[in-house]
mmCIF file of all heavy atoms, coordinates in Angstrom:
data_MODEL
# 
_entry.id   MODEL 
# 
loop_
_atom_site.group_PDB 
_atom_site.id 
_atom_site.type_symbol 
_atom_site.label_atom_id 
_atom_site.label_alt_id 
_atom_site.label_comp_id 
_atom_site.label_asym_id 
_atom_site.label_entity_id 
_atom_site.label_seq_id 
_atom_site.pdbx_PDB_ins_code 
_atom_site.Cartn_x 
_atom_site.Cartn_y 
_atom_site.Cartn_z 
_atom_site.occupancy 
_atom_site.B_iso_or_equiv 
_atom_site.pdbx_formal_charge 
_atom_site.auth_seq_id 
_atom_site.auth_comp_id 
_atom_site.auth_asym_id 
_atom_site.auth_atom_id 
_atom_site.pdbx_PDB_model_num 
ATOM 1   N N   . VAL A 1 1  ? 101.976 105.442 102.073 1.00 0.00 ? 1  VAL A N   1 
ATOM 2   C CA  . VAL A 1 1  ? 101.589 104.626 103.218 1.00 0.00 ? 1  VAL A CA  1 
ATOM 3   C C   . VAL A 1 1  ? 100.516 103.636 102.746 1.00 0.00 ? 1  VAL A C   1 
ATOM 4   O O   . VAL A 1 1  ? 99.511  104.047 102.157 1.00 0.00 ? 1  VAL A O   1 
ATOM 5   C CB  . VAL A 1 1  ? 101.059 105.513 104.366 1.00 0.00 ? 1  VAL A CB  1 
ATOM 6   C CG1 . VAL A 1 1  ? 100.540 104.652 105.512 1.00 0.00 ? 1  VAL A CG1 1 
ATOM 7   C CG2 . VAL A 1 1  ? 102.132 106.481 104.845 1.00 0.00 ? 1  VAL A CG2 1 
ATOM 8   N N   . PRO A 1 2  ? 100.735 102.334 102.993 1.00 0.00 ? 2  PRO A N   1 
ATOM 9   C CA  . PRO A 1 2  ? 99.742  101.349 102.567 1.00 0.00 ? 2  PRO A CA  1 
ATOM 10  C C   . PRO A 1 2  ? 98.377  101.613 103.197 1.00 0.00 ? 2  PRO A C   1 
ATOM 11  O O   . PRO A 1 2  ? 98.278  102.133 104.306 1.00 0.00 ? 2  PRO A O   1 
ATOM 12  C CB  . PRO A 1 2  ? 100.328 100.025 103.064 1.00 0.00 ? 2  PRO A CB  1 
ATOM 13  C CG  . PRO A 1 2  ? 101.793 100.278 103.197 1.00 0.00 ? 2  PRO A CG  1 
ATOM 14  C CD  . PRO A 1 2  ? 101.910 101.716 103.610 1.00 0.00 ? 2  PRO A CD  1 
ATOM 15  N N   . ASP A 1 3  ? 97.337  101.200 102.479 1.00 0.00 ? 3  ASP A N   1 
ATOM 16  C CA  . ASP A 1 3  ? 95.974  101.506 102.923 1.00 0.00 ? 3  ASP A CA  1 
ATOM 17  C C   . ASP A 1 3  ? 95.371  100.466 103.854 1.00 0.00 ? 3  ASP A C   1 
ATOM 18  O O   . ASP A 1 3  ? 94.234  100.599 104.275 1.00 0.00 ? 3  ASP A O   1 
ATOM 19  C CB  . ASP A 1 3  ? 95.061  101.708 101.714 1.00 0.00 ? 3  ASP A CB  1 
ATOM 20  C CG  . ASP A 1 3  ? 94.808  100.417 100.944 1.00 0.00 ? 3  ASP A CG  1 
ATOM 21  O OD1 . ASP A 1 3  ? 95.506  99.413  101.199 1.00 0.00 ? 3  ASP A OD1 1 
ATOM 22  O OD2 . ASP A 1 3  ? 93.905  100.416 100.087 1.00 0.00 ? 3  ASP A OD2 1 
ATOM 23  N N   . ASN A 1 4  ? 96.149  99.416  104.211 1.00 0.00 ? 4  ASN A N   1 
ATOM 24  C CA  . ASN A 1 4  ? 95.577  98.428  105.121 1.00 0.00 ? 4  ASN A CA  1 
ATOM 25  C C   . ASN A 1 4  ? 96.601  98.026  106.180 1.00 0.00 ? 4  ASN A C   1 
ATOM 26  O O   . ASN A 1 4  ? 97.809  98.182  105.994 1.00 0.00 ? 4  ASN A O   1 
ATOM 27  C CB  . ASN A 1 4  ? 95.042  97.213  104.352 1.00 0.00 ? 4  ASN A CB  1 
ATOM 28  C CG  . ASN A 1 4  ? 96.150  96.429  103.684 1.00 0.00 ? 4  ASN A CG  1 
ATOM 29  O OD1 . ASN A 1 4  ? 96.878  95.696  104.350 1.00 0.00 ? 4  ASN A OD1 1 
ATOM 30  N ND2 . ASN A 1 4  ? 96.292  96.586  102.365 1.00 0.00 ? 4  ASN A ND2 1 
ATOM 31  N N   . ALA A 1 5  ? 96.097  97.504  107.282 1.00 0.00 ? 5  ALA A N   1 
ATOM 32  C CA  . ALA A 1 5  ? 96.936  97.206  108.448 1.00 0.00 ? 5  ALA A CA  1 
ATOM 33  C C   . ALA A 1 5  ? 97.993  96.148  108.145 1.00 0.00 ? 5  ALA A C   1 
ATOM 34  O O   . ALA A 1 5  ? 99.137  96.273  108.591 1.00 0.00 ? 5  ALA A O   1 
ATOM 35  C CB  . ALA A 1 5  ? 96.062  96.775  109.611 1.00 0.00 ? 5  ALA A CB  1 
ATOM 36  N N   . LEU A 1 6  ? 97.637  95.102  107.392 1.00 0.00 ? 6  LEU A N   1 
ATOM 37  C CA  . LEU A 1 6  ? 98.597  94.039  107.088 1.00 0.00 ? 6  LEU A CA  1 
ATOM 38  C C   . LEU A 1 6  ? 99.763  94.583  106.261 1.00 0.00 ? 6  LEU A C   1 
ATOM 39  O O   . LEU A 1 6  ? 100.931 94.280  106.551 1.00 0.00 ? 6  LEU A O   1 
ATOM 40  C CB  . LEU A 1 6  ? 97.908  92.885  106.362 1.00 0.00 ? 6  LEU A CB  1 
ATOM 41  C CG  . LEU A 1 6  ? 98.829  91.718  105.968 1.00 0.00 ? 6  LEU A CG  1 
ATOM 42  C CD1 . LEU A 1 6  ? 99.468  91.091  107.212 1.00 0.00 ? 6  LEU A CD1 1 
ATOM 43  C CD2 . LEU A 1 6  ? 98.043  90.677  105.182 1.00 0.00 ? 6  LEU A CD2 1 
ATOM 44  N N   . ALA A 1 7  ? 99.462  95.377  105.257 1.00 0.00 ? 7  ALA A N   1 
ATOM 45  C CA  . ALA A 1 7  ? 100.526 95.951  104.421 1.00 0.00 ? 7  ALA A CA  1 
ATOM 46  C C   . ALA A 1 7  ? 101.402 96.905  105.228 1.00 0.00 ? 7  ALA A C   1 
ATOM 47  O O   . ALA A 1 7  ? 102.625 96.948  105.045 1.00 0.00 ? 7  ALA A O   1 
ATOM 48  C CB  . ALA A 1 7  ? 99.920  96.666  103.211 1.00 0.00 ? 7  ALA A CB  1 
ATOM 49  N N   . ARG A 1 8  ? 100.802 97.674  106.126 1.00 0.00 ? 8  ARG A N   1 
ATOM 50  C CA  . ARG A 1 8  ? 101.592 98.567  106.984 1.00 0.00 ? 8  ARG A CA  1 
ATOM 51  C C   . ARG A 1 8  ? 102.480 97.763  107.935 1.00 0.00 ? 8  ARG A C   1 
ATOM 52  O O   . ARG A 1 8  ? 103.636 98.108  108.167 1.00 0.00 ? 8  ARG A O   1 
ATOM 53  C CB  . ARG A 1 8  ? 100.679 99.528  107.755 1.00 0.00 ? 8  ARG A CB  1 
ATOM 54  C CG  . ARG A 1 8  ? 100.097 100.623 106.881 1.00 0.00 ? 8  ARG A CG  1 
ATOM 55  C CD  . ARG A 1 8  ? 99.385  101.699 107.687 1.00 0.00 ? 8  ARG A CD  1 
ATOM 56  N NE  . ARG A 1 8  ? 98.273  101.205 108.485 1.00 0.00 ? 8  ARG A NE  1 
ATOM 57  C CZ  . ARG A 1 8  ? 97.030  101.038 108.021 1.00 0.00 ? 8  ARG A CZ  1 
ATOM 58  N NH1 . ARG A 1 8  ? 96.735  101.337 106.757 1.00 0.00 ? 8  ARG A NH1 1 
ATOM 59  N NH2 . ARG A 1 8  ? 96.065  100.590 108.815 1.00 0.00 ? 8  ARG A NH2 1 
ATOM 60  N N   . GLU A 1 9  ? 101.933 96.671  108.475 1.00 0.00 ? 9  GLU A N   1 
ATOM 61  C CA  . GLU A 1 9  ? 102.726 95.812  109.353 1.00 0.00 ? 9  GLU A CA  1 
ATOM 62  C C   . GLU A 1 9  ? 103.911 95.221  108.587 1.00 0.00 ? 9  GLU A C   1 
ATOM 63  O O   . GLU A 1 9  ? 105.040 95.188  109.091 1.00 0.00 ? 9  GLU A O   1 
ATOM 64  C CB  . GLU A 1 9  ? 101.858 94.691  109.935 1.00 0.00 ? 9  GLU A CB  1 
ATOM 65  C CG  . GLU A 1 9  ? 102.629 93.774  110.862 1.00 0.00 ? 9  GLU A CG  1 
ATOM 66  C CD  . GLU A 1 9  ? 101.793 92.603  111.389 1.00 0.00 ? 9  GLU A CD  1 
ATOM 67  O OE1 . GLU A 1 9  ? 100.695 92.340  110.859 1.00 0.00 ? 9  GLU A OE1 1 
ATOM 68  O OE2 . GLU A 1 9  ? 102.261 91.953  112.334 1.00 0.00 ? 9  GLU A OE2 1 
ATOM 69  N N   . PHE A 1 10 ? 103.653 94.768  107.356 1.00 0.00 ? 10 PHE A N   1 
ATOM 70  C CA  . PHE A 1 10 ? 104.730 94.225  106.522 1.00 0.00 ? 10 PHE A CA  1 
ATOM 71  C C   . PHE A 1 10 ? 105.801 95.283  106.272 1.00 0.00 ? 10 PHE A C   1 
ATOM 72  O O   . PHE A 1 10 ? 106.993 95.034  106.454 1.00 0.00 ? 10 PHE A O   1 
ATOM 73  C CB  . PHE A 1 10 ? 104.161 93.719  105.188 1.00 0.00 ? 10 PHE A CB  1 
ATOM 74  C CG  . PHE A 1 10 ? 105.234 93.220  104.257 1.00 0.00 ? 10 PHE A CG  1 
ATOM 75  C CD1 . PHE A 1 10 ? 105.699 91.921  104.360 1.00 0.00 ? 10 PHE A CD1 1 
ATOM 76  C CD2 . PHE A 1 10 ? 105.784 94.051  103.302 1.00 0.00 ? 10 PHE A CD2 1 
ATOM 77  C CE1 . PHE A 1 10 ? 106.701 91.454  103.519 1.00 0.00 ? 10 PHE A CE1 1 
ATOM 78  C CE2 . PHE A 1 10 ? 106.784 93.594  102.452 1.00 0.00 ? 10 PHE A CE2 1 
ATOM 79  C CZ  . PHE A 1 10 ? 107.235 92.300  102.566 1.00 0.00 ? 10 PHE A CZ  1 
ATOM 80  N N   . ARG A 1 11 ? 105.390 96.474  105.872 1.00 0.00 ? 11 ARG A N   1 
ATOM 81  C CA  . ARG A 1 11 ? 106.337 97.560  105.604 1.00 0.00 ? 11 ARG A CA  1 
ATOM 82  C C   . ARG A 1 11 ? 107.165 97.882  106.842 1.00 0.00 ? 11 ARG A C   1 
ATOM 83  O O   . ARG A 1 11 ? 108.380 98.054  106.770 1.00 0.00 ? 11 ARG A O   1 
ATOM 84  C CB  . ARG A 1 11 ? 105.584 98.805  105.137 1.00 0.00 ? 11 ARG A CB  1 
ATOM 85  C CG  . ARG A 1 11 ? 106.501 99.996  104.844 1.00 0.00 ? 11 ARG A CG  1 
ATOM 86  C CD  . ARG A 1 11 ? 105.907 101.343 105.170 1.00 0.00 ? 11 ARG A CD  1 
ATOM 87  N NE  . ARG A 1 11 ? 105.258 101.384 106.458 1.00 0.00 ? 11 ARG A NE  1 
ATOM 88  C CZ  . ARG A 1 11 ? 104.291 102.219 106.768 1.00 0.00 ? 11 ARG A CZ  1 
ATOM 89  N NH1 . ARG A 1 11 ? 103.836 103.081 105.867 1.00 0.00 ? 11 ARG A NH1 1 
ATOM 90  N NH2 . ARG A 1 11 ? 103.749 102.216 107.960 1.00 0.00 ? 11 ARG A NH2 1 
ATOM 91  N N   . ASP A 1 12 ? 106.506 97.934  107.992 1.00 0.00 ? 12 ASP A N   1 
ATOM 92  C CA  . ASP A 1 12 ? 107.205 98.257  109.234 1.00 0.00 ? 12 ASP A CA  1 
ATOM 93  C C   . ASP A 1 12 ? 108.205 97.175  109.615 1.00 0.00 ? 12 ASP A C   1 
ATOM 94  O O   . ASP A 1 12 ? 109.335 97.475  110.014 1.00 0.00 ? 12 ASP A O   1 
ATOM 95  C CB  . ASP A 1 12 ? 106.204 98.486  110.363 1.00 0.00 ? 12 ASP A CB  1 
ATOM 96  C CG  . ASP A 1 12 ? 105.361 99.742  110.161 1.00 0.00 ? 12 ASP A CG  1 
ATOM 97  O OD1 . ASP A 1 12 ? 105.668 100.547 109.247 1.00 0.00 ? 12 ASP A OD1 1 
ATOM 98  O OD2 . ASP A 1 12 ? 104.372 99.913  110.906 1.00 0.00 ? 12 ASP A OD2 1 
ATOM 99  N N   . TRP A 1 13 ? 107.804 95.900  109.494 1.00 0.00 ? 13 TRP A N   1 
ATOM 100 C CA  . TRP A 1 13 ? 108.737 94.812  109.792 1.00 0.00 ? 13 TRP A CA  1 
ATOM 101 C C   . TRP A 1 13 ? 109.905 94.816  108.818 1.00 0.00 ? 13 TRP A C   1 
ATOM 102 O O   . TRP A 1 13 ? 111.057 94.579  109.219 1.00 0.00 ? 13 TRP A O   1 
ATOM 103 C CB  . TRP A 1 13 ? 108.031 93.455  109.779 1.00 0.00 ? 13 TRP A CB  1 
ATOM 104 C CG  . TRP A 1 13 ? 107.456 93.073  111.100 1.00 0.00 ? 13 TRP A CG  1 
ATOM 105 C CD1 . TRP A 1 13 ? 106.132 92.883  111.395 1.00 0.00 ? 13 TRP A CD1 1 
ATOM 106 C CD2 . TRP A 1 13 ? 108.162 92.846  112.319 1.00 0.00 ? 13 TRP A CD2 1 
ATOM 107 N NE1 . TRP A 1 13 ? 105.987 92.558  112.724 1.00 0.00 ? 13 TRP A NE1 1 
ATOM 108 C CE2 . TRP A 1 13 ? 107.225 92.528  113.311 1.00 0.00 ? 13 TRP A CE2 1 
ATOM 109 C CE3 . TRP A 1 13 ? 109.514 92.887  112.666 1.00 0.00 ? 13 TRP A CE3 1 
ATOM 110 C CZ2 . TRP A 1 13 ? 107.581 92.239  114.625 1.00 0.00 ? 13 TRP A CZ2 1 
ATOM 111 C CZ3 . TRP A 1 13 ? 109.872 92.607  113.982 1.00 0.00 ? 13 TRP A CZ3 1 
ATOM 112 C CH2 . TRP A 1 13 ? 108.918 92.290  114.936 1.00 0.00 ? 13 TRP A CH2 1 
ATOM 113 N N   . ALA A 1 14 ? 109.635 95.052  107.541 1.00 0.00 ? 14 ALA A N   1 
ATOM 114 C CA  . ALA A 1 14 ? 110.725 95.100  106.556 1.00 0.00 ? 14 ALA A CA  1 
ATOM 115 C C   . ALA A 1 14 ? 111.734 96.174  106.944 1.00 0.00 ? 14 ALA A C   1 
ATOM 116 O O   . ALA A 1 14 ? 112.953 95.955  106.887 1.00 0.00 ? 14 ALA A O   1 
ATOM 117 C CB  . ALA A 1 14 ? 110.170 95.346  105.150 1.00 0.00 ? 14 ALA A CB  1 
ATOM 118 N N   . GLY A 1 15 ? 111.254 97.325  107.355 1.00 0.00 ? 15 GLY A N   1 
ATOM 119 C CA  . GLY A 1 15 ? 112.148 98.391  107.788 1.00 0.00 ? 15 GLY A CA  1 
ATOM 120 C C   . GLY A 1 15 ? 112.966 97.999  109.000 1.00 0.00 ? 15 GLY A C   1 
ATOM 121 O O   . GLY A 1 15 ? 114.170 98.279  109.070 1.00 0.00 ? 15 GLY A O   1 
ATOM 122 N N   . ARG A 1 16 ? 112.332 97.340  109.959 1.00 0.00 ? 16 ARG A N   1 
ATOM 123 C CA  . ARG A 1 16 ? 113.052 96.902  111.169 1.00 0.00 ? 16 ARG A CA  1 
ATOM 124 C C   . ARG A 1 16 ? 114.126 95.864  110.836 1.00 0.00 ? 16 ARG A C   1 
ATOM 125 O O   . ARG A 1 16 ? 115.243 95.912  111.367 1.00 0.00 ? 16 ARG A O   1 
ATOM 126 C CB  . ARG A 1 16 ? 112.082 96.327  112.192 1.00 0.00 ? 16 ARG A CB  1 
ATOM 127 C CG  . ARG A 1 16 ? 111.208 97.358  112.863 1.00 0.00 ? 16 ARG A CG  1 
ATOM 128 C CD  . ARG A 1 16 ? 110.332 96.700  113.941 1.00 0.00 ? 16 ARG A CD  1 
ATOM 129 N NE  . ARG A 1 16 ? 109.208 97.550  114.235 1.00 0.00 ? 16 ARG A NE  1 
ATOM 130 C CZ  . ARG A 1 16 ? 107.953 97.295  113.908 1.00 0.00 ? 16 ARG A CZ  1 
ATOM 131 N NH1 . ARG A 1 16 ? 107.625 96.181  113.288 1.00 0.00 ? 16 ARG A NH1 1 
ATOM 132 N NH2 . ARG A 1 16 ? 106.991 98.142  114.212 1.00 0.00 ? 16 ARG A NH2 1 
ATOM 133 N N   . ILE A 1 17 ? 113.769 94.900  109.979 1.00 0.00 ? 17 ILE A N   1 
ATOM 134 C CA  . ILE A 1 17 ? 114.734 93.866  109.582 1.00 0.00 ? 17 ILE A CA  1 
ATOM 135 C C   . ILE A 1 17 ? 115.902 94.510  108.842 1.00 0.00 ? 17 ILE A C   1 
ATOM 136 O O   . ILE A 1 17 ? 117.070 94.213  109.125 1.00 0.00 ? 17 ILE A O   1 
ATOM 137 C CB  . ILE A 1 17 ? 114.057 92.774  108.731 1.00 0.00 ? 17 ILE A CB  1 
ATOM 138 C CG1 . ILE A 1 17 ? 113.086 91.959  109.593 1.00 0.00 ? 17 ILE A CG1 1 
ATOM 139 C CG2 . ILE A 1 17 ? 115.091 91.869  108.069 1.00 0.00 ? 17 ILE A CG2 1 
ATOM 140 C CD1 . ILE A 1 17 ? 112.157 91.058  108.802 1.00 0.00 ? 17 ILE A CD1 1 
ATOM 141 N N   . ASN A 1 18 ? 115.604 95.399  107.889 1.00 0.00 ? 18 ASN A N   1 
ATOM 142 C CA  . ASN A 1 18 ? 116.674 96.055  107.144 1.00 0.00 ? 18 ASN A CA  1 
ATOM 143 C C   . ASN A 1 18 ? 117.594 96.840  108.076 1.00 0.00 ? 18 ASN A C   1 
ATOM 144 O O   . ASN A 1 18 ? 118.818 96.821  107.921 1.00 0.00 ? 18 ASN A O   1 
ATOM 145 C CB  . ASN A 1 18 ? 116.099 96.967  106.062 1.00 0.00 ? 18 ASN A CB  1 
ATOM 146 C CG  . ASN A 1 18 ? 115.503 96.193  104.908 1.00 0.00 ? 18 ASN A CG  1 
ATOM 147 O OD1 . ASN A 1 18 ? 115.710 94.996  104.757 1.00 0.00 ? 18 ASN A OD1 1 
ATOM 148 N ND2 . ASN A 1 18 ? 114.724 96.885  104.088 1.00 0.00 ? 18 ASN A ND2 1 
ATOM 149 N N   . GLN A 1 19 ? 117.024 97.530  109.060 1.00 0.00 ? 19 GLN A N   1 
ATOM 150 C CA  . GLN A 1 19 ? 117.844 98.281  110.010 1.00 0.00 ? 19 GLN A CA  1 
ATOM 151 C C   . GLN A 1 19 ? 118.723 97.349  110.842 1.00 0.00 ? 19 GLN A C   1 
ATOM 152 O O   . GLN A 1 19 ? 119.902 97.656  111.076 1.00 0.00 ? 19 GLN A O   1 
ATOM 153 C CB  . GLN A 1 19 ? 116.969 99.118  110.943 1.00 0.00 ? 19 GLN A CB  1 
ATOM 154 C CG  . GLN A 1 19 ? 116.348 100.321 110.262 1.00 0.00 ? 19 GLN A CG  1 
ATOM 155 C CD  . GLN A 1 19 ? 115.558 101.154 111.248 1.00 0.00 ? 19 GLN A CD  1 
ATOM 156 O OE1 . GLN A 1 19 ? 116.080 101.548 112.278 1.00 0.00 ? 19 GLN A OE1 1 
ATOM 157 N NE2 . GLN A 1 19 ? 114.292 101.398 110.933 1.00 0.00 ? 19 GLN A NE2 1 
ATOM 158 N N   . ALA A 1 20 ? 118.167 96.239  111.310 1.00 0.00 ? 20 ALA A N   1 
ATOM 159 C CA  . ALA A 1 20 ? 118.943 95.300  112.133 1.00 0.00 ? 20 ALA A CA  1 
ATOM 160 C C   . ALA A 1 20 ? 120.107 94.711  111.347 1.00 0.00 ? 20 ALA A C   1 
ATOM 161 O O   . ALA A 1 20 ? 121.238 94.644  111.847 1.00 0.00 ? 20 ALA A O   1 
ATOM 162 C CB  . ALA A 1 20 ? 118.031 94.184  112.662 1.00 0.00 ? 20 ALA A CB  1 
ATOM 163 N N   . VAL A 1 21 ? 119.838 94.305  110.106 1.00 0.00 ? 21 VAL A N   1 
ATOM 164 C CA  . VAL A 1 21 ? 120.906 93.711  109.286 1.00 0.00 ? 21 VAL A CA  1 
ATOM 165 C C   . VAL A 1 21 ? 121.919 94.781  108.881 1.00 0.00 ? 21 VAL A C   1 
ATOM 166 O O   . VAL A 1 21 ? 123.131 94.540  108.919 1.00 0.00 ? 21 VAL A O   1 
ATOM 167 C CB  . VAL A 1 21 ? 120.316 92.971  108.066 1.00 0.00 ? 21 VAL A CB  1 
ATOM 168 C CG1 . VAL A 1 21 ? 121.413 92.505  107.122 1.00 0.00 ? 21 VAL A CG1 1 
ATOM 169 C CG2 . VAL A 1 21 ? 119.463 91.790  108.530 1.00 0.00 ? 21 VAL A CG2 1 
ATOM 170 N N   . ALA A 1 22 ? 121.455 95.968  108.530 1.00 0.00 ? 22 ALA A N   1 
ATOM 171 C CA  . ALA A 1 22 ? 122.371 97.051  108.136 1.00 0.00 ? 22 ALA A CA  1 
ATOM 172 C C   . ALA A 1 22 ? 123.295 97.437  109.288 1.00 0.00 ? 22 ALA A C   1 
ATOM 173 O O   . ALA A 1 22 ? 124.474 97.738  109.073 1.00 0.00 ? 22 ALA A O   1 
ATOM 174 C CB  . ALA A 1 22 ? 121.586 98.268  107.659 1.00 0.00 ? 22 ALA A CB  1 
ATOM 175 N N   . ALA A 1 23 ? 122.774 97.427  110.511 1.00 0.00 ? 23 ALA A N   1 
ATOM 176 C CA  . ALA A 1 23 ? 123.606 97.769  111.667 1.00 0.00 ? 23 ALA A CA  1 
ATOM 177 C C   . ALA A 1 23 ? 124.737 96.762  111.843 1.00 0.00 ? 23 ALA A C   1 
ATOM 178 O O   . ALA A 1 23 ? 125.834 97.125  112.268 1.00 0.00 ? 23 ALA A O   1 
ATOM 179 C CB  . ALA A 1 23 ? 122.746 97.830  112.930 1.00 0.00 ? 23 ALA A CB  1 
ATOM 180 N N   . GLN A 1 24 ? 124.479 95.533  111.499 1.00 0.00 ? 24 GLN A N   1 
ATOM 181 C CA  . GLN A 1 24 ? 125.469 94.469  111.658 1.00 0.00 ? 24 GLN A CA  1 
ATOM 182 C C   . GLN A 1 24 ? 126.372 94.331  110.437 1.00 0.00 ? 24 GLN A C   1 
ATOM 183 O O   . GLN A 1 24 ? 127.478 93.802  110.547 1.00 0.00 ? 24 GLN A O   1 
ATOM 184 C CB  . GLN A 1 24 ? 124.726 93.156  111.899 1.00 0.00 ? 24 GLN A CB  1 
ATOM 185 C CG  . GLN A 1 24 ? 125.586 92.095  112.489 1.00 0.00 ? 24 GLN A CG  1 
ATOM 186 C CD  . GLN A 1 24 ? 124.732 90.992  113.071 1.00 0.00 ? 24 GLN A CD  1 
ATOM 187 O OE1 . GLN A 1 24 ? 123.525 91.118  113.240 1.00 0.00 ? 24 GLN A OE1 1 
ATOM 188 N NE2 . GLN A 1 24 ? 125.357 89.890  113.395 1.00 0.00 ? 24 GLN A NE2 1 
ATOM 189 N N   . ALA A 1 25 ? 125.931 94.805  109.300 1.00 0.00 ? 25 ALA A N   1 
ATOM 190 C CA  . ALA A 1 25 ? 126.656 94.613  108.044 1.00 0.00 ? 25 ALA A CA  1 
ATOM 191 C C   . ALA A 1 25 ? 127.931 95.451  107.982 1.00 0.00 ? 25 ALA A C   1 
ATOM 192 O O   . ALA A 1 25 ? 128.007 96.542  108.532 1.00 0.00 ? 25 ALA A O   1 
ATOM 193 C CB  . ALA A 1 25 ? 125.752 94.969  106.859 1.00 0.00 ? 25 ALA A CB  1 
ATOM 194 N N   . ASP A 1 26 ? 128.910 94.898  107.276 1.00 0.00 ? 26 ASP A N   1 
ATOM 195 C CA  . ASP A 1 26 ? 130.140 95.628  106.984 1.00 0.00 ? 26 ASP A CA  1 
ATOM 196 C C   . ASP A 1 26 ? 129.917 96.601  105.829 1.00 0.00 ? 26 ASP A C   1 
ATOM 197 O O   . ASP A 1 26 ? 130.531 97.667  105.792 1.00 0.00 ? 26 ASP A O   1 
ATOM 198 C CB  . ASP A 1 26 ? 131.254 94.639  106.597 1.00 0.00 ? 26 ASP A CB  1 
ATOM 199 C CG  . ASP A 1 26 ? 131.511 93.644  107.707 1.00 0.00 ? 26 ASP A CG  1 
ATOM 200 O OD1 . ASP A 1 26 ? 132.029 94.058  108.764 1.00 0.00 ? 26 ASP A OD1 1 
ATOM 201 O OD2 . ASP A 1 26 ? 131.193 92.455  107.518 1.00 0.00 ? 26 ASP A OD2 1 
ATOM 202 N N   . ARG A 1 27 ? 129.060 96.174  104.886 1.00 0.00 ? 27 ARG A N   1 
ATOM 203 C CA  . ARG A 1 27 ? 128.785 97.004  103.722 1.00 0.00 ? 27 ARG A CA  1 
ATOM 204 C C   . ARG A 1 27 ? 127.291 97.007  103.448 1.00 0.00 ? 27 ARG A C   1 
ATOM 205 O O   . ARG A 1 27 ? 126.632 95.982  103.586 1.00 0.00 ? 27 ARG A O   1 
ATOM 206 C CB  . ARG A 1 27 ? 129.513 96.480  102.471 1.00 0.00 ? 27 ARG A CB  1 
ATOM 207 C CG  . ARG A 1 27 ? 131.000 96.382  102.651 1.00 0.00 ? 27 ARG A CG  1 
ATOM 208 C CD  . ARG A 1 27 ? 131.779 96.110  101.397 1.00 0.00 ? 27 ARG A CD  1 
ATOM 209 N NE  . ARG A 1 27 ? 131.339 94.949  100.641 1.00 0.00 ? 27 ARG A NE  1 
ATOM 210 C CZ  . ARG A 1 27 ? 131.880 94.610  99.461  1.00 0.00 ? 27 ARG A CZ  1 
ATOM 211 N NH1 . ARG A 1 27 ? 132.837 95.338  98.926  1.00 0.00 ? 27 ARG A NH1 1 
ATOM 212 N NH2 . ARG A 1 27 ? 131.452 93.557  98.826  1.00 0.00 ? 27 ARG A NH2 1 
ATOM 213 N N   . VAL A 1 28 ? 126.773 98.179  103.049 1.00 0.00 ? 28 VAL A N   1 
ATOM 214 C CA  . VAL A 1 28 ? 125.371 98.306  102.658 1.00 0.00 ? 28 VAL A CA  1 
ATOM 215 C C   . VAL A 1 28 ? 125.328 99.114  101.373 1.00 0.00 ? 28 VAL A C   1 
ATOM 216 O O   . VAL A 1 28 ? 125.930 100.191 101.287 1.00 0.00 ? 28 VAL A O   1 
ATOM 217 C CB  . VAL A 1 28 ? 124.523 99.003  103.755 1.00 0.00 ? 28 VAL A CB  1 
ATOM 218 C CG1 . VAL A 1 28 ? 123.073 99.128  103.301 1.00 0.00 ? 28 VAL A CG1 1 
ATOM 219 C CG2 . VAL A 1 28 ? 124.615 98.242  105.079 1.00 0.00 ? 28 VAL A CG2 1 
ATOM 220 N N   . PHE A 1 29 ? 124.626 98.578  100.379 1.00 0.00 ? 29 PHE A N   1 
ATOM 221 C CA  . PHE A 1 29 ? 124.456 99.258  99.100  1.00 0.00 ? 29 PHE A CA  1 
ATOM 222 C C   . PHE A 1 29 ? 122.969 99.464  98.832  1.00 0.00 ? 29 PHE A C   1 
ATOM 223 O O   . PHE A 1 29 ? 122.145 98.607  99.160  1.00 0.00 ? 29 PHE A O   1 
ATOM 224 C CB  . PHE A 1 29 ? 125.041 98.426  97.948  1.00 0.00 ? 29 PHE A CB  1 
ATOM 225 C CG  . PHE A 1 29 ? 126.518 98.206  98.064  1.00 0.00 ? 29 PHE A CG  1 
ATOM 226 C CD1 . PHE A 1 29 ? 127.008 97.012  98.576  1.00 0.00 ? 29 PHE A CD1 1 
ATOM 227 C CD2 . PHE A 1 29 ? 127.411 99.185  97.674  1.00 0.00 ? 29 PHE A CD2 1 
ATOM 228 C CE1 . PHE A 1 29 ? 128.368 96.802  98.692  1.00 0.00 ? 29 PHE A CE1 1 
ATOM 229 C CE2 . PHE A 1 29 ? 128.771 98.984  97.786  1.00 0.00 ? 29 PHE A CE2 1 
ATOM 230 C CZ  . PHE A 1 29 ? 129.258 97.787  98.298  1.00 0.00 ? 29 PHE A CZ  1 
# 
């Protein structure tokens, strides 16, 4: 877990974006 709020926010947004795109994707590797 990142030690600062900005890095945690970045990690959380990256996870949300990856989930949104993966849900729509035909293939995920």
